[in-house]
Amino acid sequence: MQEQNRFLMNPPKISVVIPAYNEEEYIASAIECFLKMTYHPLEIIVVDDGSTDRTAEIASNFPIRLIRIKHSGPARAKNIGIKEATGELIIIHDANDVIPDANFLTKIFETYVSSGARADLILMPMRCFPRKRGLIHKAMFVRDYLAYKPKMEDGVPVVKLLHTAAFKGEFLKHYAQYMEDLGTMEDIFFTIKKEPKKVISQYESARAIGGAMDSLKQMMSRWIWEGKSLPPIWMYLKKTFLLKAGYAIYITSFITVFLLLIFSSLFSPLLLFCLPFIARAFYRMGKAYFYTRHLILSLFLPLLDLLQGLCYFIGLVKAYILVLVKKYSPAK
């Protein structure tokens, strides 16, 4: 009780780390959503990852701390932001997402206090939905979050998941790290050296997902980057055979179906090899319809699967060309 009273009188500082690369369209709304929240003391750190647009200029107009680094990828930007953060609690927030809940930070604080300030990791139920409401935006969102059983609410796909809301700063600095040489998918390969003490918040919040979800062009750019990241990820997983094999099957299913469909148009017997992939595409499309009851939206999924296969293939070719000329970098 005394511990709770102490925090109520002197609440802990919360640091929000926002890594950003060419996010001039989104960075203002990402910063503003936290400045509009009622919680203090608050520290917002924007780590500009060598942007070539007006990201840093726009961010500098707000009462935040701006750190500019050479373009190195989101993992390094996050690690630097974590290192520089001075808050007792640290939140990692994507520059293209918005949290419309004005009480989000207060909910994190109250959850932390309820744990006796012993929690290393605060989890919070979160309703996620796409920022834009066009059909293609909804389809891309449903495809990316299909595993979370998206449901339509007022014509918008929504998923409910347990979100990593915040870390205790001391724990994050000493026992966790983003792998900097693996390009994209840094959240997947986030390493924690010690099991954190977790607490699940009794509160629920919301998150509007933007960035790649906002246009097909941006999504294709992300997929090409993911394809470009495959070589270092493959090397990283070389000691974990099962994980490596599973990851390879997942990735190559998109690439293989694209290539097989091309060759099967020239050699019809090869169409038989496409059948497992075609069956998988129809299965995913059926799941999307089962969850959303939106037929047109569900029909987009096989097309997006094929497009991802094309983009991964382009990214992979690009990666090996850059390796040959000794100019490869995991950054986008």
C-alpha atoms as a PDB file:
ATOM      1  CA  MET A   1       0.000   0.000   0.000  1.00  0.00           C
ATOM      2  CA  GLN A   2       2.832   2.391   0.886  1.00  0.00           C
ATOM      3  CA  GLU A   3       4.529   1.505  -2.417  1.00  0.00           C
ATOM      4  CA  GLN A   4       1.355   2.371  -4.333  1.00  0.00           C
ATOM      5  CA  ASN A   5       0.963   5.657  -2.468  1.00  0.00           C
ATOM      6  CA  ARG A   6       4.580   6.555  -3.279  1.00  0.00           C
ATOM      7  CA  PHE A   7       3.942   6.044  -7.003  1.00  0.00           C
ATOM      8  CA  LEU A   8       0.722   8.041  -6.862  1.00  0.00           C
ATOM      9  CA  MET A   9       2.639  10.959  -5.367  1.00  0.00           C
ATOM     10  CA  ASN A  10       5.630  10.557  -7.669  1.00  0.00           C
ATOM     11  CA  PRO A  11       4.645   8.562 -10.794  1.00  0.00           C
ATOM     12  CA  PRO A  12       7.476   6.961 -12.783  1.00  0.00           C
ATOM     13  CA  LYS A  13       8.654   8.517 -16.017  1.00  0.00           C
ATOM     14  CA  ILE A  14       7.543   6.677 -19.175  1.00  0.00           C
ATOM     15  CA  SER A  15       9.794   6.829 -22.236  1.00  0.00           C
ATOM     16  CA  VAL A  16       8.273   6.320 -25.687  1.00  0.00           C
ATOM     17  CA  VAL A  17      10.828   5.317 -28.344  1.00  0.00           C
ATOM     18  CA  ILE A  18       9.710   5.933 -31.943  1.00  0.00           C
ATOM     19  CA  PRO A  19      12.115   4.666 -34.651  1.00  0.00           C
ATOM     20  CA  ALA A  20      11.423   6.372 -37.968  1.00  0.00           C
ATOM     21  CA  TYR A  21      12.692   6.098 -41.535  1.00  0.00           C
ATOM     22  CA  ASN A  22      11.049   8.308 -44.185  1.00  0.00           C
ATOM     23  CA  GLU A  23       7.873   8.678 -42.132  1.00  0.00           C
ATOM     24  CA  GLU A  24       7.050  12.313 -42.946  1.00  0.00           C
ATOM     25  CA  GLU A  25       3.427  11.344 -43.598  1.00  0.00           C
ATOM     26  CA  TYR A  26       2.976   9.719 -40.181  1.00  0.00           C
ATOM     27  CA  ILE A  27       5.494  11.013 -37.649  1.00  0.00           C
ATOM     28  CA  ALA A  28       3.395  13.999 -36.513  1.00  0.00           C
ATOM     29  CA  SER A  29       0.318  11.884 -35.709  1.00  0.00           C
ATOM     30  CA  ALA A  30       2.497   9.294 -33.910  1.00  0.00           C
ATOM     31  CA  ILE A  31       3.981  11.976 -31.652  1.00  0.00           C
ATOM     32  CA  GLU A  32       0.693  13.837 -31.167  1.00  0.00           C
ATOM     33  CA  CYS A  33      -1.189  10.766 -30.000  1.00  0.00           C
ATOM     34  CA  PHE A  34       1.145  10.566 -26.962  1.00  0.00           C
ATOM     35  CA  LEU A  35       1.282  14.318 -26.332  1.00  0.00           C
ATOM     36  CA  LYS A  36      -2.532  14.318 -26.111  1.00  0.00           C
ATOM     37  CA  MET A  37      -2.452  11.732 -23.339  1.00  0.00           C
ATOM     38  CA  THR A  38      -2.905  12.942 -19.792  1.00  0.00           C
ATOM     39  CA  TYR A  39       0.043  11.113 -18.213  1.00  0.00           C
ATOM     40  CA  HIS A  40       3.207  12.828 -16.942  1.00  0.00           C
ATOM     41  CA  PRO A  41       6.191  12.630 -16.632  1.00  0.00           C
ATOM     42  CA  LEU A  42       6.644  11.580 -20.250  1.00  0.00           C
ATOM     43  CA  GLU A  43       9.700  11.369 -22.494  1.00  0.00           C
ATOM     44  CA  ILE A  44       9.312  10.921 -26.256  1.00  0.00           C
ATOM     45  CA  ILE A  45      12.408   9.925 -28.228  1.00  0.00           C
ATOM     46  CA  VAL A  46      12.302   9.887 -32.024  1.00  0.00           C
ATOM     47  CA  VAL A  47      15.252   8.052 -33.570  1.00  0.00           C
ATOM     48  CA  ASP A  48      15.516   9.212 -37.173  1.00  0.00           C
ATOM     49  CA  ASP A  49      17.154   6.356 -39.074  1.00  0.00           C
ATOM     50  CA  GLY A  50      18.827   8.443 -41.777  1.00  0.00           C
ATOM     51  CA  SER A  51      15.587   9.595 -43.395  1.00  0.00           C
ATOM     52  CA  THR A  52      15.850  11.330 -46.775  1.00  0.00           C
ATOM     53  CA  ASP A  53      12.506  13.122 -46.414  1.00  0.00           C
ATOM     54  CA  ARG A  54      11.186  15.687 -43.867  1.00  0.00           C
ATOM     55  CA  THR A  55      10.778  13.213 -40.977  1.00  0.00           C
ATOM     56  CA  ALA A  56      13.420  14.818 -38.738  1.00  0.00           C
ATOM     57  CA  GLU A  57      12.300  18.361 -39.605  1.00  0.00           C
ATOM     58  CA  ILE A  58       8.687  17.595 -38.674  1.00  0.00           C
ATOM     59  CA  ALA A  59       9.648  15.767 -35.476  1.00  0.00           C
ATOM     60  CA  SER A  60      11.844  18.664 -34.358  1.00  0.00           C
ATOM     61  CA  ASN A  61       8.766  20.915 -34.177  1.00  0.00           C
ATOM     62  CA  PHE A  62       7.473  18.949 -31.173  1.00  0.00           C
ATOM     63  CA  PRO A  63       8.700  18.924 -27.540  1.00  0.00           C
ATOM     64  CA  ILE A  64      10.521  15.641 -27.974  1.00  0.00           C
ATOM     65  CA  ARG A  65      14.100  14.401 -28.063  1.00  0.00           C
ATOM     66  CA  LEU A  66      15.347  13.807 -31.607  1.00  0.00           C
ATOM     67  CA  ILE A  67      18.275  11.483 -32.288  1.00  0.00           C
ATOM     68  CA  ARG A  68      19.598  11.280 -35.857  1.00  0.00           C
ATOM     69  CA  ILE A  69      21.683   8.307 -36.969  1.00  0.00           C
ATOM     70  CA  LYS A  70      23.067   6.907 -40.195  1.00  0.00           C
ATOM     71  CA  HIS A  71      20.552   4.686 -41.979  1.00  0.00           C
ATOM     72  CA  SER A  72      21.026   1.242 -40.410  1.00  0.00           C
ATOM     73  CA  GLY A  73      17.568  -0.323 -40.112  1.00  0.00           C
ATOM     74  CA  PRO A  74      14.844  -0.361 -37.434  1.00  0.00           C
ATOM     75  CA  ALA A  75      16.627  -2.758 -35.062  1.00  0.00           C
ATOM     76  CA  ARG A  76      19.570  -0.422 -34.482  1.00  0.00           C
ATOM     77  CA  ALA A  77      17.253   2.593 -34.212  1.00  0.00           C
ATOM     78  CA  LYS A  78      15.277   0.798 -31.505  1.00  0.00           C
ATOM     79  CA  ASN A  79      18.405  -0.306 -29.632  1.00  0.00           C
ATOM     80  CA  ILE A  80      19.764   3.250 -29.625  1.00  0.00           C
ATOM     81  CA  GLY A  81      16.431   4.634 -28.445  1.00  0.00           C
ATOM     82  CA  ILE A  82      16.332   2.103 -25.613  1.00  0.00           C
ATOM     83  CA  LYS A  83      19.885   2.945 -24.597  1.00  0.00           C
ATOM     84  CA  GLU A  84      19.108   6.675 -24.493  1.00  0.00           C
ATOM     85  CA  ALA A  85      15.742   6.368 -22.727  1.00  0.00           C
ATOM     86  CA  THR A  86      15.675   7.545 -19.110  1.00  0.00           C
ATOM     87  CA  GLY A  87      12.190   6.368 -18.133  1.00  0.00           C
ATOM     88  CA  GLU A  88      11.443   3.661 -15.595  1.00  0.00           C
ATOM     89  CA  LEU A  89       9.113   2.196 -18.220  1.00  0.00           C
ATOM     90  CA  ILE A  90       9.847   2.066 -21.954  1.00  0.00           C
ATOM     91  CA  ILE A  91       7.376   1.779 -24.830  1.00  0.00           C
ATOM     92  CA  ILE A  92       8.484   0.965 -28.395  1.00  0.00           C
ATOM     93  CA  HIS A  93       6.055   2.531 -30.856  1.00  0.00           C
ATOM     94  CA  ASP A  94       6.010   2.291 -34.677  1.00  0.00           C
ATOM     95  CA  ALA A  95       6.048   5.697 -36.354  1.00  0.00           C
ATOM     96  CA  ASN A  96       3.171   4.828 -38.676  1.00  0.00           C
ATOM     97  CA  ASP A  97       0.746   3.646 -35.980  1.00  0.00           C
ATOM     98  CA  VAL A  98      -1.577   5.687 -33.766  1.00  0.00           C
ATOM     99  CA  ILE A  99      -3.017   4.889 -30.342  1.00  0.00           C
ATOM    100  CA  PRO A 100      -6.330   6.785 -30.112  1.00  0.00           C
ATOM    101  CA  ASP A 101      -6.776   5.981 -26.403  1.00  0.00           C
ATOM    102  CA  ALA A 102      -6.036   9.118 -24.344  1.00  0.00           C
ATOM    103  CA  ASN A 103      -5.689   6.967 -21.206  1.00  0.00           C
ATOM    104  CA  PHE A 104      -3.243   4.434 -22.651  1.00  0.00           C
ATOM    105  CA  LEU A 105      -0.245   5.611 -20.600  1.00  0.00           C
ATOM    106  CA  THR A 106      -2.360   5.895 -17.451  1.00  0.00           C
ATOM    107  CA  LYS A 107      -3.516   2.308 -17.945  1.00  0.00           C
ATOM    108  CA  ILE A 108       0.110   1.182 -18.235  1.00  0.00           C
ATOM    109  CA  PHE A 109       1.006   3.109 -15.076  1.00  0.00           C
ATOM    110  CA  GLU A 110      -1.882   1.657 -13.070  1.00  0.00           C
ATOM    111  CA  THR A 111      -1.043  -1.867 -14.247  1.00  0.00           C
ATOM    112  CA  TYR A 112       2.590  -1.369 -13.243  1.00  0.00           C
ATOM    113  CA  VAL A 113       1.612  -0.058  -9.808  1.00  0.00           C
ATOM    114  CA  SER A 114      -0.781  -2.989  -9.280  1.00  0.00           C
ATOM    115  CA  SER A 115       2.194  -5.333  -9.736  1.00  0.00           C
ATOM    116  CA  GLY A 116       4.048  -3.575  -6.946  1.00  0.00           C
ATOM    117  CA  ALA A 117       6.415  -2.142  -9.591  1.00  0.00           C
ATOM    118  CA  ARG A 118       7.855  -5.630 -10.007  1.00  0.00           C
ATOM    119  CA  ALA A 119       6.667  -6.289 -13.593  1.00  0.00           C
ATOM    120  CA  ASP A 120       9.365  -6.412 -16.279  1.00  0.00           C
ATOM    121  CA  LEU A 121       6.822  -6.727 -19.073  1.00  0.00           C
ATOM    122  CA  ILE A 122       3.321  -5.256 -19.249  1.00  0.00           C
ATOM    123  CA  LEU A 123       0.883  -6.919 -21.635  1.00  0.00           C
ATOM    124  CA  MET A 124      -2.413  -5.312 -22.581  1.00  0.00           C
ATOM    125  CA  PRO A 125      -5.420  -6.555 -24.583  1.00  0.00           C
ATOM    126  CA  MET A 126      -5.487  -4.454 -27.755  1.00  0.00           C
ATOM    127  CA  ARG A 127      -8.026  -3.896 -30.517  1.00  0.00           C
ATOM    128  CA  CYS A 128      -6.118  -3.352 -33.769  1.00  0.00           C
ATOM    129  CA  PHE A 129      -7.563  -2.099 -37.049  1.00  0.00           C
ATOM    130  CA  PRO A 130      -6.274  -0.475 -40.277  1.00  0.00           C
ATOM    131  CA  ARG A 131      -5.945   3.310 -40.398  1.00  0.00           C
ATOM    132  CA  LYS A 132      -7.358   3.490 -43.907  1.00  0.00           C
ATOM    133  CA  ARG A 133     -10.726   2.021 -44.847  1.00  0.00           C
ATOM    134  CA  GLY A 134     -10.359   1.167 -48.561  1.00  0.00           C
ATOM    135  CA  LEU A 135     -11.039  -2.398 -49.695  1.00  0.00           C
ATOM    136  CA  ILE A 136      -7.389  -3.120 -50.491  1.00  0.00           C
ATOM    137  CA  HIS A 137      -6.322  -1.754 -47.086  1.00  0.00           C
ATOM    138  CA  LYS A 138      -8.799  -4.010 -45.317  1.00  0.00           C
ATOM    139  CA  ALA A 139      -7.664  -7.014 -47.392  1.00  0.00           C
ATOM    140  CA  MET A 140      -3.992  -6.430 -46.566  1.00  0.00           C
ATOM    141  CA  PHE A 141      -4.850  -6.095 -42.882  1.00  0.00           C
ATOM    142  CA  VAL A 142      -6.922  -9.301 -42.841  1.00  0.00           C
ATOM    143  CA  ARG A 143      -4.148 -11.172 -44.640  1.00  0.00           C
ATOM    144  CA  ASP A 144      -1.454 -10.015 -42.193  1.00  0.00           C
ATOM    145  CA  TYR A 145      -3.596 -10.701 -39.112  1.00  0.00           C
ATOM    146  CA  LEU A 146      -5.414 -13.817 -40.313  1.00  0.00           C
ATOM    147  CA  ALA A 147      -4.002 -15.877 -37.426  1.00  0.00           C
ATOM    148  CA  TYR A 148      -5.811 -13.581 -34.962  1.00  0.00           C
ATOM    149  CA  LYS A 149      -9.281 -14.281 -36.456  1.00  0.00           C
ATOM    150  CA  PRO A 150     -10.263 -10.801 -37.667  1.00  0.00           C
ATOM    151  CA  LYS A 151     -13.916  -9.796 -37.342  1.00  0.00           C
ATOM    152  CA  MET A 152     -15.752  -7.018 -39.144  1.00  0.00           C
ATOM    153  CA  GLU A 153     -16.981  -4.175 -36.926  1.00  0.00           C
ATOM    154  CA  ASP A 154     -18.885  -1.391 -38.702  1.00  0.00           C
ATOM    155  CA  GLY A 155     -17.317  -2.482 -41.982  1.00  0.00           C
ATOM    156  CA  VAL A 156     -13.745  -2.488 -40.609  1.00  0.00           C
ATOM    157  CA  PRO A 157     -11.669  -5.610 -39.819  1.00  0.00           C
ATOM    158  CA  VAL A 158     -10.620  -5.725 -36.166  1.00  0.00           C
ATOM    159  CA  VAL A 159      -8.406  -8.161 -34.278  1.00  0.00           C
ATOM    160  CA  LYS A 160      -8.047  -8.518 -30.535  1.00  0.00           C
ATOM    161  CA  LEU A 161      -4.624  -9.588 -29.313  1.00  0.00           C
ATOM    162  CA  LEU A 162      -2.388  -9.422 -26.275  1.00  0.00           C
ATOM    163  CA  HIS A 163      -0.029  -6.574 -27.038  1.00  0.00           C
ATOM    164  CA  THR A 164       3.396  -5.817 -25.535  1.00  0.00           C
ATOM    165  CA  ALA A 165       2.531  -2.464 -24.005  1.00  0.00           C
ATOM    166  CA  ALA A 166       5.712  -1.619 -22.073  1.00  0.00           C
ATOM    167  CA  PHE A 167       8.932  -2.940 -20.567  1.00  0.00           C
ATOM    168  CA  LYS A 168      10.654  -1.955 -17.371  1.00  0.00           C
ATOM    169  CA  GLY A 169      13.576   0.136 -18.600  1.00  0.00           C
ATOM    170  CA  GLU A 170      16.210  -1.611 -16.480  1.00  0.00           C
ATOM    171  CA  PHE A 171      15.143  -5.030 -17.769  1.00  0.00           C
ATOM    172  CA  LEU A 172      15.043  -3.936 -21.406  1.00  0.00           C
ATOM    173  CA  LYS A 173      18.499  -2.364 -21.255  1.00  0.00           C
ATOM    174  CA  HIS A 174      20.191  -5.361 -19.590  1.00  0.00           C
ATOM    175  CA  TYR A 175      18.383  -8.455 -20.842  1.00  0.00           C
ATOM    176  CA  ALA A 176      16.843  -7.722 -24.260  1.00  0.00           C
ATOM    177  CA  GLN A 177      18.090  -6.718 -27.687  1.00  0.00           C
ATOM    178  CA  TYR A 178      16.962  -6.348 -31.288  1.00  0.00           C
ATOM    179  CA  MET A 179      19.182  -8.215 -33.772  1.00  0.00           C
ATOM    180  CA  GLU A 180      20.694  -5.450 -35.916  1.00  0.00           C
ATOM    181  CA  ASP A 181      22.080  -7.437 -38.854  1.00  0.00           C
ATOM    182  CA  LEU A 182      18.869  -9.201 -39.938  1.00  0.00           C
ATOM    183  CA  GLY A 183      17.112  -6.386 -41.787  1.00  0.00           C
ATOM    184  CA  THR A 184      13.355  -6.429 -41.380  1.00  0.00           C
ATOM    185  CA  MET A 185      11.270  -8.677 -39.084  1.00  0.00           C
ATOM    186  CA  GLU A 186      13.268  -7.361 -36.122  1.00  0.00           C
ATOM    187  CA  ASP A 187      10.322  -7.933 -33.805  1.00  0.00           C
ATOM    188  CA  ILE A 188      10.355 -11.670 -34.645  1.00  0.00           C
ATOM    189  CA  PHE A 189      14.047 -11.981 -33.801  1.00  0.00           C
ATOM    190  CA  PHE A 190      13.893  -9.906 -30.626  1.00  0.00           C
ATOM    191  CA  THR A 191      16.064 -11.730 -28.092  1.00  0.00           C
ATOM    192  CA  ILE A 192      15.414 -11.843 -24.341  1.00  0.00           C
ATOM    193  CA  LYS A 193      18.175 -13.359 -22.200  1.00  0.00           C
ATOM    194  CA  LYS A 194      16.101 -13.650 -19.035  1.00  0.00           C
ATOM    195  CA  GLU A 195      12.467 -14.607 -18.520  1.00  0.00           C
ATOM    196  CA  PRO A 196      10.611 -11.387 -17.639  1.00  0.00           C
ATOM    197  CA  LYS A 197       8.095 -11.028 -14.834  1.00  0.00           C
ATOM    198  CA  LYS A 198       4.873 -10.455 -16.761  1.00  0.00           C
ATOM    199  CA  VAL A 199       1.641  -8.775 -15.795  1.00  0.00           C
ATOM    200  CA  ILE A 200      -1.502  -8.638 -17.952  1.00  0.00           C
ATOM    201  CA  SER A 201      -3.438  -5.414 -17.692  1.00  0.00           C
ATOM    202  CA  GLN A 202      -7.098  -5.498 -16.746  1.00  0.00           C
ATOM    203  CA  TYR A 203      -7.622  -2.662 -19.210  1.00  0.00           C
ATOM    204  CA  GLU A 204      -8.105  -2.752 -22.969  1.00  0.00           C
ATOM    205  CA  SER A 205      -6.806  -0.244 -25.500  1.00  0.00           C
ATOM    206  CA  ALA A 206      -6.758   0.295 -29.274  1.00  0.00           C
ATOM    207  CA  ARG A 207      -4.192   0.718 -32.044  1.00  0.00           C
ATOM    208  CA  ALA A 208      -4.648   1.959 -35.614  1.00  0.00           C
ATOM    209  CA  ILE A 209      -2.160   0.214 -37.918  1.00  0.00           C
ATOM    210  CA  GLY A 210      -0.688   2.275 -40.767  1.00  0.00           C
ATOM    211  CA  GLY A 211       2.480   2.255 -42.854  1.00  0.00           C
ATOM    212  CA  ALA A 212       2.563  -0.663 -45.255  1.00  0.00           C
ATOM    213  CA  MET A 213      -1.169  -1.160 -44.701  1.00  0.00           C
ATOM    214  CA  ASP A 214      -1.865   2.283 -46.163  1.00  0.00           C
ATOM    215  CA  SER A 215      -1.049   1.459 -49.786  1.00  0.00           C
ATOM    216  CA  LEU A 216      -0.255  -1.520 -51.974  1.00  0.00           C
ATOM    217  CA  LYS A 217       2.917   0.233 -53.133  1.00  0.00           C
ATOM    218  CA  GLN A 218       4.201   0.504 -49.551  1.00  0.00           C
ATOM    219  CA  MET A 219       3.267  -3.099 -48.857  1.00  0.00           C
ATOM    220  CA  MET A 220       5.188  -4.262 -51.942  1.00  0.00           C
ATOM    221  CA  SER A 221       8.178  -2.211 -50.799  1.00  0.00           C
ATOM    222  CA  ARG A 222       8.037  -3.959 -47.416  1.00  0.00           C
ATOM    223  CA  TRP A 223       7.792  -7.400 -49.035  1.00  0.00           C
ATOM    224  CA  ILE A 224      10.793  -6.680 -51.278  1.00  0.00           C
ATOM    225  CA  TRP A 225      12.743  -5.619 -48.181  1.00  0.00           C
ATOM    226  CA  GLU A 226      11.710  -8.845 -46.430  1.00  0.00           C
ATOM    227  CA  GLY A 227      12.936 -10.812 -49.445  1.00  0.00           C
ATOM    228  CA  LYS A 228      16.205  -8.853 -49.320  1.00  0.00           C
ATOM    229  CA  SER A 229      16.525  -9.809 -45.627  1.00  0.00           C
ATOM    230  CA  LEU A 230      16.296 -13.556 -46.275  1.00  0.00           C
ATOM    231  CA  PRO A 231      20.058 -14.311 -46.649  1.00  0.00           C
ATOM    232  CA  PRO A 232      21.136 -12.957 -43.212  1.00  0.00           C
ATOM    233  CA  ILE A 233      18.059 -14.457 -41.541  1.00  0.00           C
ATOM    234  CA  TRP A 234      18.881 -17.827 -43.131  1.00  0.00           C
ATOM    235  CA  MET A 235      22.442 -17.637 -41.807  1.00  0.00           C
ATOM    236  CA  TYR A 236      21.198 -16.637 -38.352  1.00  0.00           C
ATOM    237  CA  LEU A 237      18.961 -19.696 -38.227  1.00  0.00           C
ATOM    238  CA  LYS A 238      21.581 -22.155 -39.472  1.00  0.00           C
ATOM    239  CA  LYS A 239      22.056 -23.667 -36.000  1.00  0.00           C
ATOM    240  CA  THR A 240      18.352 -24.199 -35.393  1.00  0.00           C
ATOM    241  CA  PHE A 241      17.355 -26.684 -38.071  1.00  0.00           C
ATOM    242  CA  LEU A 242      13.639 -27.052 -37.306  1.00  0.00           C
ATOM    243  CA  LEU A 243      13.043 -23.327 -37.028  1.00  0.00           C
ATOM    244  CA  LYS A 244      15.082 -22.793 -40.162  1.00  0.00           C
ATOM    245  CA  ALA A 245      13.163 -25.464 -42.073  1.00  0.00           C
ATOM    246  CA  GLY A 246       9.795 -24.108 -40.950  1.00  0.00           C
ATOM    247  CA  TYR A 247      10.768 -20.566 -41.847  1.00  0.00           C
ATOM    248  CA  ALA A 248      12.067 -21.698 -45.248  1.00  0.00           C
ATOM    249  CA  ILE A 249       8.812 -23.511 -46.028  1.00  0.00           C
ATOM    250  CA  TYR A 250       6.796 -20.461 -45.041  1.00  0.00           C
ATOM    251  CA  ILE A 251       8.864 -18.083 -47.171  1.00  0.00           C
ATOM    252  CA  THR A 252       9.404 -20.296 -50.204  1.00  0.00           C
ATOM    253  CA  SER A 253       5.712 -21.157 -50.404  1.00  0.00           C
ATOM    254  CA  PHE A 254       5.099 -17.619 -51.626  1.00  0.00           C
ATOM    255  CA  ILE A 255       8.072 -17.643 -53.991  1.00  0.00           C
ATOM    256  CA  THR A 256       7.518 -21.173 -55.281  1.00  0.00           C
ATOM    257  CA  VAL A 257       3.855 -20.735 -56.124  1.00  0.00           C
ATOM    258  CA  PHE A 258       4.695 -17.635 -58.130  1.00  0.00           C
ATOM    259  CA  LEU A 259       7.447 -19.368 -60.110  1.00  0.00           C
ATOM    260  CA  LEU A 260       5.459 -22.556 -60.615  1.00  0.00           C
ATOM    261  CA  LEU A 261       2.474 -20.689 -61.993  1.00  0.00           C
ATOM    262  CA  ILE A 262       4.723 -18.985 -64.523  1.00  0.00           C
ATOM    263  CA  PHE A 263       6.341 -22.218 -65.660  1.00  0.00           C
ATOM    264  CA  SER A 264       3.086 -24.167 -65.612  1.00  0.00           C
ATOM    265  CA  SER A 265       1.703 -21.785 -68.195  1.00  0.00           C
ATOM    266  CA  LEU A 266       4.530 -22.948 -70.448  1.00  0.00           C
ATOM    267  CA  PHE A 267       4.601 -26.587 -69.361  1.00  0.00           C
ATOM    268  CA  SER A 268       1.123 -27.743 -68.352  1.00  0.00           C
ATOM    269  CA  PRO A 269       2.300 -30.908 -66.450  1.00  0.00           C
ATOM    270  CA  LEU A 270       3.949 -28.593 -63.900  1.00  0.00           C
ATOM    271  CA  LEU A 271       0.490 -27.424 -62.918  1.00  0.00           C
ATOM    272  CA  LEU A 272       0.297 -30.554 -60.729  1.00  0.00           C
ATOM    273  CA  PHE A 273       3.064 -29.145 -58.546  1.00  0.00           C
ATOM    274  CA  CYS A 274       0.989 -25.993 -58.058  1.00  0.00           C
ATOM    275  CA  LEU A 275      -1.959 -27.866 -56.592  1.00  0.00           C
ATOM    276  CA  PRO A 276      -0.726 -27.911 -52.938  1.00  0.00           C
ATOM    277  CA  PHE A 277      -0.087 -24.192 -53.077  1.00  0.00           C
ATOM    278  CA  ILE A 278      -3.403 -23.492 -54.784  1.00  0.00           C
ATOM    279  CA  ALA A 279      -5.147 -25.578 -52.109  1.00  0.00           C
ATOM    280  CA  ARG A 280      -3.379 -23.573 -49.401  1.00  0.00           C
ATOM    281  CA  ALA A 281      -4.474 -20.307 -51.044  1.00  0.00           C
ATOM    282  CA  PHE A 282      -8.109 -21.434 -51.131  1.00  0.00           C
ATOM    283  CA  TYR A 283      -7.864 -22.577 -47.516  1.00  0.00           C
ATOM    284  CA  ARG A 284      -6.621 -19.154 -46.424  1.00  0.00           C
ATOM    285  CA  MET A 285      -9.292 -17.464 -48.499  1.00  0.00           C
ATOM    286  CA  GLY A 286     -11.923 -19.658 -46.863  1.00  0.00           C
ATOM    287  CA  LYS A 287     -10.620 -18.773 -43.392  1.00  0.00           C
ATOM    288  CA  ALA A 288     -10.772 -15.090 -44.234  1.00  0.00           C
ATOM    289  CA  TYR A 289     -14.384 -15.402 -45.352  1.00  0.00           C
ATOM    290  CA  PHE A 290     -15.294 -17.498 -42.298  1.00  0.00           C
ATOM    291  CA  TYR A 291     -13.946 -14.810 -39.966  1.00  0.00           C
ATOM    292  CA  THR A 292     -15.087 -11.686 -41.828  1.00  0.00           C
ATOM    293  CA  ARG A 293     -18.070 -12.862 -43.898  1.00  0.00           C
ATOM    294  CA  HIS A 294     -16.772 -10.529 -46.610  1.00  0.00           C
ATOM    295  CA  LEU A 295     -16.442 -12.380 -49.929  1.00  0.00           C
ATOM    296  CA  ILE A 296     -14.827  -9.668 -52.073  1.00  0.00           C
ATOM    297  CA  LEU A 297     -12.242  -8.913 -49.403  1.00  0.00           C
ATOM    298  CA  SER A 298     -11.425 -12.624 -49.035  1.00  0.00           C
ATOM    299  CA  LEU A 299     -10.883 -13.008 -52.791  1.00  0.00           C
ATOM    300  CA  PHE A 300      -7.964 -10.586 -52.544  1.00  0.00           C
ATOM    301  CA  LEU A 301      -5.908 -12.945 -50.368  1.00  0.00           C
ATOM    302  CA  PRO A 302      -4.678 -15.379 -53.087  1.00  0.00           C
ATOM    303  CA  LEU A 303      -3.733 -12.407 -55.276  1.00  0.00           C
ATOM    304  CA  LEU A 304      -1.811 -10.805 -52.421  1.00  0.00           C
ATOM    305  CA  ASP A 305      -0.083 -14.148 -51.725  1.00  0.00           C
ATOM    306  CA  LEU A 306       1.115 -14.280 -55.335  1.00  0.00           C
ATOM    307  CA  LEU A 307       2.205 -10.661 -55.243  1.00  0.00           C
ATOM    308  CA  GLN A 308       4.184 -11.301 -52.075  1.00  0.00           C
ATOM    309  CA  GLY A 309       5.877 -14.229 -53.787  1.00  0.00           C
ATOM    310  CA  LEU A 310       6.918 -11.950 -56.640  1.00  0.00           C
ATOM    311  CA  CYS A 311       8.205  -9.284 -54.247  1.00  0.00           C
ATOM    312  CA  TYR A 312      10.141 -11.810 -52.147  1.00  0.00           C
ATOM    313  CA  PHE A 313      11.746 -13.175 -55.293  1.00  0.00           C
ATOM    314  CA  ILE A 314      12.743  -9.671 -56.421  1.00  0.00           C
ATOM    315  CA  GLY A 315      14.132  -8.896 -52.957  1.00  0.00           C
ATOM    316  CA  LEU A 316      16.099 -12.146 -52.845  1.00  0.00           C
ATOM    317  CA  VAL A 317      17.637 -11.508 -56.280  1.00  0.00           C
ATOM    318  CA  LYS A 318      18.446  -7.959 -55.221  1.00  0.00           C
ATOM    319  CA  ALA A 319      20.139  -9.248 -52.052  1.00  0.00           C
ATOM    320  CA  TYR A 320      22.458 -11.628 -53.899  1.00  0.00           C
ATOM    321  CA  ILE A 321      23.353  -8.995 -56.480  1.00  0.00           C
ATOM    322  CA  LEU A 322      24.322  -6.625 -53.659  1.00  0.00           C
ATOM    323  CA  VAL A 323      26.319  -9.411 -51.983  1.00  0.00           C
ATOM    324  CA  LEU A 324      28.224 -10.036 -55.225  1.00  0.00           C
ATOM    325  CA  VAL A 325      29.137  -6.355 -55.589  1.00  0.00           C
ATOM    326  CA  LYS A 326      29.886  -6.160 -51.832  1.00  0.00           C
ATOM    327  CA  LYS A 327      27.282  -3.467 -51.161  1.00  0.00           C
ATOM    328  CA  TYR A 328      24.762  -5.494 -49.161  1.00  0.00           C
ATOM    329  CA  SER A 329      23.155  -3.859 -46.138  1.00  0.00           C
ATOM    330  CA  PRO A 330      20.282  -5.164 -43.997  1.00  0.00           C
ATOM    331  CA  ALA A 331      18.725  -1.681 -43.964  1.00  0.00           C
ATOM    332  CA  LYS A 332      15.801  -0.949 -46.274  1.00  0.00           C
END
